[in-house]
Amino acid sequence: RVARELLVSQQFSPHALSELASEVATGELHRGSDRKAQKFFAQALLEPNENAVAQAAWASENKSLQLTSDALTVDRGYEARAITWAQNGRWKEAAYESQKWQLDQPFDLRAAMYGSYYASLGAQDYEGALSIADLGLSTHPTDPMLHNNAAFALANLGRTEDARFHLVHLPGSDDDDYPVFLATRGLIAFREGNEAAGRESYRKAVEGLLKSSRRADAAAAALLWALEETRIGSVIAPETRGLGERLLSSSSPSPEARELLKRLDDAKGAKKEPVEGP
């Protein structure tokens, strides 16, 4: 109530109230009041600071708000630009802004986590992803997802032994993100030539994510699995791709899914002798 009174008091400039307005808007969004959220975000974006724009960028990820190009020009708005470029599949720009975000706020775990994800899964810049993850691990040395992102980048660089070292730090099977780590184990196994173990890890990852109602993540895991099967010329590559496509939640797949589907199309013409499936 006090926050709302301040927002309508006209005692402060729009810039001074921008972050407060974005916090109130986010609260309304969590309560399911999209219309009220849009109203307060509109106030927050009149003369926003970088935090208000970042909050609005997260809201726009859920299609509750559309950011204007002017909002993205705010000084030090690295977080908002990284989120927005990723939403639009502009992975190189997203990774670049994430690096700037991380340098601006080196203790912000999200900067390292999202930056390493954008750089690796999106832009295929595995060296850059590893650099972002390593810097994040210097301030958050026990974070499981940062270790996972580092392992994913290392496996794609062919450094599977180093990748396995990072997976030692991951939590047990009761953790909500355990299926994500299983998918990374599947990637490592494939890159080490152990296709049977890779398939089993990816299969369990997809099943675990579906069990947790994370259909979009399950689709991404299946498409990553399909990429590995395609890379080695496996006869079950079309089957795993079909699994990923069936799991896509709508006719408008996520930017990650679109990127992975594009890579599968690009890899389709690779001339390899098919290998036996499981």
Protein backbone atom coordinates (compact mmCIF):
# COMPACT_ATOMS: atom_id res chain seq x y z
CA ARG A 1 0.00 0.00 0.00
CA VAL A 2 2.80 2.42 0.92
CA ALA A 3 4.57 1.64 -2.36
CA ARG A 4 1.43 2.31 -4.39
CA GLU A 5 0.86 5.60 -2.56
CA LEU A 6 4.39 6.71 -3.38
CA LEU A 7 3.89 5.86 -7.03
CA VAL A 8 0.87 8.16 -7.35
CA SER A 9 2.06 10.88 -4.97
CA GLN A 10 3.82 12.97 -7.66
CA GLN A 11 6.42 13.89 -5.02
CA PHE A 12 9.26 12.20 -6.89
CA SER A 13 10.56 12.16 -10.44
CA PRO A 14 9.70 9.25 -12.76
CA HIS A 15 13.38 8.24 -12.68
CA ALA A 16 13.42 8.08 -8.88
CA LEU A 17 10.30 5.90 -8.92
CA SER A 18 11.29 3.63 -11.82
CA GLU A 19 12.73 0.78 -9.78
CA LEU A 20 9.92 0.87 -7.23
CA ALA A 21 7.35 0.78 -10.03
CA SER A 22 9.07 -2.21 -11.65
CA GLU A 23 9.08 -4.09 -8.32
CA VAL A 24 5.36 -3.45 -7.82
CA ALA A 25 4.75 -4.50 -11.44
CA THR A 26 6.67 -7.74 -10.90
CA GLY A 27 4.60 -8.46 -7.80
CA GLU A 28 1.39 -7.97 -9.80
CA LEU A 29 2.74 -10.27 -12.49
CA HIS A 30 3.40 -13.03 -9.95
CA ARG A 31 -0.17 -12.63 -8.69
CA GLY A 32 -1.50 -13.08 -12.22
CA SER A 33 -2.61 -9.46 -12.67
CA ASP A 34 -1.13 -8.85 -16.11
CA ARG A 35 -3.09 -5.65 -16.73
CA LYS A 36 -1.93 -4.03 -13.49
CA ALA A 37 1.60 -5.24 -14.15
CA GLN A 38 1.61 -3.58 -17.56
CA LYS A 39 0.39 -0.32 -16.00
CA PHE A 40 3.21 -0.22 -13.45
CA PHE A 41 5.83 -1.32 -15.97
CA ALA A 42 4.71 1.56 -18.21
CA GLN A 43 5.38 3.92 -15.30
CA ALA A 44 8.72 2.26 -14.58
CA LEU A 45 9.84 2.78 -18.18
CA LEU A 46 9.08 6.50 -18.36
CA GLU A 47 12.60 7.39 -17.17
CA PRO A 48 14.05 4.01 -16.21
CA ASN A 49 17.31 2.95 -14.65
CA GLU A 50 19.02 -0.27 -15.71
CA ASN A 51 17.37 -2.38 -12.99
CA ALA A 52 13.87 -1.33 -13.99
CA VAL A 53 14.54 -2.20 -17.63
CA ALA A 54 16.00 -5.56 -16.60
CA GLN A 55 12.84 -6.37 -14.62
CA ALA A 56 10.75 -5.42 -17.64
CA ALA A 57 12.90 -7.60 -19.90
CA TRP A 58 12.23 -10.63 -17.71
CA ALA A 59 8.52 -9.82 -17.86
CA SER A 60 8.66 -9.60 -21.65
CA GLU A 61 10.05 -13.15 -21.70
CA ASN A 62 6.61 -14.27 -20.50
CA LYS A 63 4.93 -12.20 -23.23
CA SER A 64 3.41 -9.89 -20.62
CA LEU A 65 5.17 -6.81 -21.97
CA GLN A 66 6.91 -5.58 -25.07
CA LEU A 67 10.04 -3.51 -24.51
CA THR A 68 10.62 -0.54 -26.76
CA SER A 69 13.95 0.00 -28.48
CA ASP A 70 14.39 3.20 -26.46
CA ALA A 71 14.23 1.25 -23.19
CA LEU A 72 17.11 -0.94 -24.35
CA THR A 73 19.42 2.04 -24.80
CA VAL A 74 19.49 2.79 -21.06
CA ASP A 75 22.97 3.26 -19.63
CA ARG A 76 24.44 0.00 -18.24
CA GLY A 77 21.38 -1.92 -19.43
CA TYR A 78 23.46 -5.00 -20.19
CA GLU A 79 21.14 -7.45 -18.44
CA ALA A 80 18.04 -6.24 -20.28
CA ARG A 81 19.81 -6.31 -23.64
CA ALA A 82 21.20 -9.81 -23.01
CA ILE A 83 17.74 -11.15 -22.16
CA THR A 84 16.09 -9.43 -25.11
CA TRP A 85 18.66 -10.54 -27.69
CA ALA A 86 18.39 -14.12 -26.42
CA GLN A 87 14.61 -14.00 -26.73
CA ASN A 88 15.09 -12.99 -30.35
CA GLY A 89 17.71 -15.64 -31.08
CA ARG A 90 20.50 -13.09 -31.41
CA TRP A 91 22.90 -15.26 -29.48
CA LYS A 92 26.19 -13.51 -30.20
CA GLU A 93 24.76 -10.17 -29.06
CA ALA A 94 23.23 -11.85 -26.00
CA ALA A 95 26.57 -13.39 -25.05
CA TYR A 96 28.39 -10.09 -25.60
CA GLU A 97 25.96 -8.15 -23.40
CA SER A 98 26.20 -10.89 -20.77
CA GLN A 99 29.96 -10.44 -20.63
CA LYS A 100 29.45 -6.70 -20.12
CA TRP A 101 26.82 -7.49 -17.46
CA GLN A 102 29.24 -9.79 -15.69
CA LEU A 103 32.04 -7.23 -15.73
CA ASP A 104 29.63 -4.60 -14.40
CA GLN A 105 28.28 -6.90 -11.67
CA PRO A 106 30.91 -9.61 -11.10
CA PHE A 107 29.11 -11.09 -8.08
CA ASP A 108 25.79 -11.53 -9.91
CA LEU A 109 25.36 -15.29 -10.37
CA ARG A 110 22.76 -14.80 -13.08
CA ALA A 111 25.22 -12.94 -15.30
CA ALA A 112 27.58 -15.92 -15.29
CA MET A 113 24.84 -18.52 -15.57
CA TYR A 114 22.89 -16.94 -18.41
CA GLY A 115 26.01 -15.65 -20.16
CA SER A 116 27.66 -19.08 -20.32
CA TYR A 117 24.35 -20.57 -21.48
CA TYR A 118 23.83 -17.98 -24.23
CA ALA A 119 27.42 -18.30 -25.44
CA SER A 120 27.47 -22.11 -25.55
CA LEU A 121 23.99 -23.37 -26.42
CA GLY A 122 23.12 -20.32 -28.52
CA ALA A 123 26.25 -18.90 -30.11
CA GLN A 124 28.41 -22.07 -30.02
CA ASP A 125 31.21 -19.92 -28.61
CA TYR A 126 32.49 -22.57 -26.23
CA GLU A 127 35.71 -20.77 -25.33
CA GLY A 128 33.71 -17.66 -24.48
CA ALA A 129 31.19 -19.70 -22.49
CA LEU A 130 33.96 -21.35 -20.52
CA SER A 131 35.54 -17.97 -19.76
CA ILE A 132 32.22 -16.62 -18.44
CA ALA A 133 31.56 -19.76 -16.37
CA ASP A 134 35.09 -19.79 -14.91
CA LEU A 135 34.83 -16.16 -13.86
CA GLY A 136 31.48 -16.92 -12.24
CA LEU A 137 32.96 -19.91 -10.42
CA SER A 138 35.62 -17.66 -8.92
CA THR A 139 32.86 -15.98 -6.88
CA HIS A 140 30.37 -18.89 -6.74
CA PRO A 141 32.66 -21.95 -6.60
CA THR A 142 29.98 -24.45 -5.57
CA ASP A 143 27.13 -23.48 -7.90
CA PRO A 144 26.02 -26.69 -9.68
CA MET A 145 24.61 -25.06 -12.81
CA LEU A 146 27.78 -23.06 -13.42
CA HIS A 147 29.76 -26.30 -13.17
CA ASN A 148 27.31 -27.89 -15.59
CA ASN A 149 27.70 -25.02 -18.08
CA ALA A 150 31.48 -25.27 -17.84
CA ALA A 151 31.26 -29.03 -18.43
CA PHE A 152 29.00 -28.53 -21.47
CA ALA A 153 31.47 -26.07 -23.01
CA LEU A 154 34.48 -28.29 -22.26
CA ALA A 155 32.82 -31.36 -23.77
CA ASN A 156 32.13 -29.42 -26.97
CA LEU A 157 35.80 -28.39 -27.01
CA GLY A 158 36.81 -32.06 -26.78
CA ARG A 159 38.15 -31.69 -23.24
CA THR A 160 36.01 -34.44 -21.76
CA GLU A 161 38.29 -35.25 -18.82
CA ASP A 162 38.09 -31.64 -17.64
CA ALA A 163 34.34 -31.72 -18.23
CA ARG A 164 33.97 -34.77 -15.97
CA PHE A 165 35.87 -32.93 -13.23
CA HIS A 166 33.13 -30.28 -13.15
CA LEU A 167 30.39 -32.92 -12.93
CA VAL A 168 31.92 -34.20 -9.69
CA HIS A 169 30.53 -31.03 -8.06
CA LEU A 170 26.93 -31.70 -9.03
CA PRO A 171 24.17 -32.58 -6.53
CA GLY A 172 22.38 -35.90 -6.19
CA SER A 173 19.46 -37.37 -8.07
CA ASP A 174 16.88 -35.69 -5.79
CA ASP A 175 17.84 -32.25 -7.13
CA ASP A 176 15.31 -30.66 -9.51
CA ASP A 177 18.02 -29.96 -12.09
CA TYR A 178 19.56 -33.43 -11.97
CA PRO A 179 18.13 -34.37 -15.43
CA VAL A 180 19.99 -31.38 -16.92
CA PHE A 181 23.24 -32.76 -15.55
CA LEU A 182 22.36 -36.19 -16.95
CA ALA A 183 22.06 -34.63 -20.41
CA THR A 184 25.55 -33.16 -20.06
CA ARG A 185 26.84 -36.58 -19.03
CA GLY A 186 25.24 -37.93 -22.19
CA LEU A 187 27.11 -35.38 -24.28
CA ILE A 188 30.42 -36.28 -22.61
CA ALA A 189 29.83 -39.99 -23.20
CA PHE A 190 29.10 -39.42 -26.89
CA ARG A 191 32.24 -37.32 -27.29
CA GLU A 192 34.26 -40.10 -25.67
CA GLY A 193 32.86 -42.62 -28.13
CA ASN A 194 30.59 -44.38 -25.65
CA GLU A 195 27.31 -44.09 -27.56
CA ALA A 196 25.43 -46.61 -25.39
CA ALA A 197 26.12 -44.67 -22.20
CA GLY A 198 25.33 -41.40 -23.97
CA ARG A 199 21.95 -42.67 -25.14
CA GLU A 200 21.06 -43.94 -21.68
CA SER A 201 21.94 -40.61 -20.05
CA TYR A 202 19.98 -38.59 -22.60
CA ARG A 203 17.00 -40.94 -22.33
CA LYS A 204 16.93 -40.58 -18.54
CA ALA A 205 17.36 -36.81 -18.87
CA VAL A 206 14.34 -36.49 -21.16
CA GLU A 207 12.24 -38.75 -18.91
CA GLY A 208 13.26 -36.84 -15.78
CA LEU A 209 12.46 -33.46 -17.29
CA LEU A 210 9.06 -34.67 -18.47
CA LYS A 211 8.35 -36.05 -15.01
CA SER A 212 9.01 -32.56 -13.64
CA SER A 213 6.67 -31.02 -16.25
CA ARG A 214 9.61 -29.29 -17.97
CA ARG A 215 8.50 -30.09 -21.49
CA ALA A 216 10.51 -27.34 -23.22
CA ASP A 217 13.69 -28.47 -21.46
CA ALA A 218 12.92 -32.09 -22.36
CA ALA A 219 12.55 -31.05 -26.01
CA ALA A 220 15.93 -29.27 -25.90
CA ALA A 221 17.58 -32.35 -24.34
CA ALA A 222 16.09 -34.57 -27.05
CA LEU A 223 17.30 -32.23 -29.80
CA LEU A 224 20.79 -32.14 -28.30
CA TRP A 225 20.69 -35.94 -28.25
CA ALA A 226 19.63 -35.90 -31.90
CA LEU A 227 22.59 -33.67 -32.73
CA GLU A 228 24.98 -36.24 -31.25
CA GLU A 229 23.30 -39.09 -33.15
CA THR A 230 23.48 -37.03 -36.35
CA ARG A 231 27.13 -36.18 -35.74
CA ILE A 232 28.11 -39.86 -35.69
CA GLY A 233 25.75 -40.81 -38.54
CA SER A 234 23.53 -43.00 -36.37
CA VAL A 235 20.49 -44.70 -37.89
CA ILE A 236 18.36 -43.52 -34.96
CA ALA A 237 19.14 -39.84 -35.53
CA PRO A 238 15.74 -39.21 -37.22
CA GLU A 239 13.96 -40.96 -34.36
CA THR A 240 15.60 -38.78 -31.70
CA ARG A 241 14.89 -35.65 -33.72
CA GLY A 242 11.27 -36.73 -34.03
CA LEU A 243 11.11 -37.11 -30.26
CA GLY A 244 12.38 -33.57 -29.79
CA GLU A 245 9.94 -32.15 -32.33
CA ARG A 246 6.98 -33.92 -30.68
CA LEU A 247 7.95 -32.45 -27.34
CA LEU A 248 7.95 -28.87 -28.61
CA SER A 249 5.19 -27.20 -26.69
CA SER A 250 3.66 -25.17 -29.53
CA SER A 251 3.92 -24.14 -33.15
CA SER A 252 6.18 -21.33 -31.96
CA PRO A 253 9.20 -23.10 -30.44
CA SER A 254 11.61 -21.38 -28.10
CA PRO A 255 14.66 -19.58 -29.53
CA GLU A 256 16.82 -22.45 -28.23
CA ALA A 257 14.69 -25.04 -30.00
CA ARG A 258 14.78 -23.07 -33.26
CA GLU A 259 18.56 -22.85 -33.01
CA LEU A 260 18.93 -26.58 -32.36
CA LEU A 261 16.57 -27.45 -35.23
CA LYS A 262 18.60 -25.24 -37.55
CA ARG A 263 21.80 -27.03 -36.51
CA LEU A 264 20.15 -30.38 -37.17
CA ASP A 265 19.17 -29.21 -40.65
CA ASP A 266 22.73 -28.00 -41.28
CA ALA A 267 24.19 -31.31 -40.05
CA LYS A 268 21.76 -33.43 -42.05
CA GLY A 269 23.88 -33.39 -45.17
CA ALA A 270 27.02 -34.61 -43.43
CA LYS A 271 28.31 -37.69 -45.23
CA LYS A 272 28.86 -40.34 -42.60
CA GLU A 273 28.36 -44.08 -42.61
CA PRO A 274 25.38 -44.96 -40.40
CA VAL A 275 26.23 -46.78 -37.18
CA GLU A 276 24.10 -49.28 -35.34
CA GLY A 277 21.53 -48.01 -32.84
CA PRO A 278 20.97 -49.45 -29.40
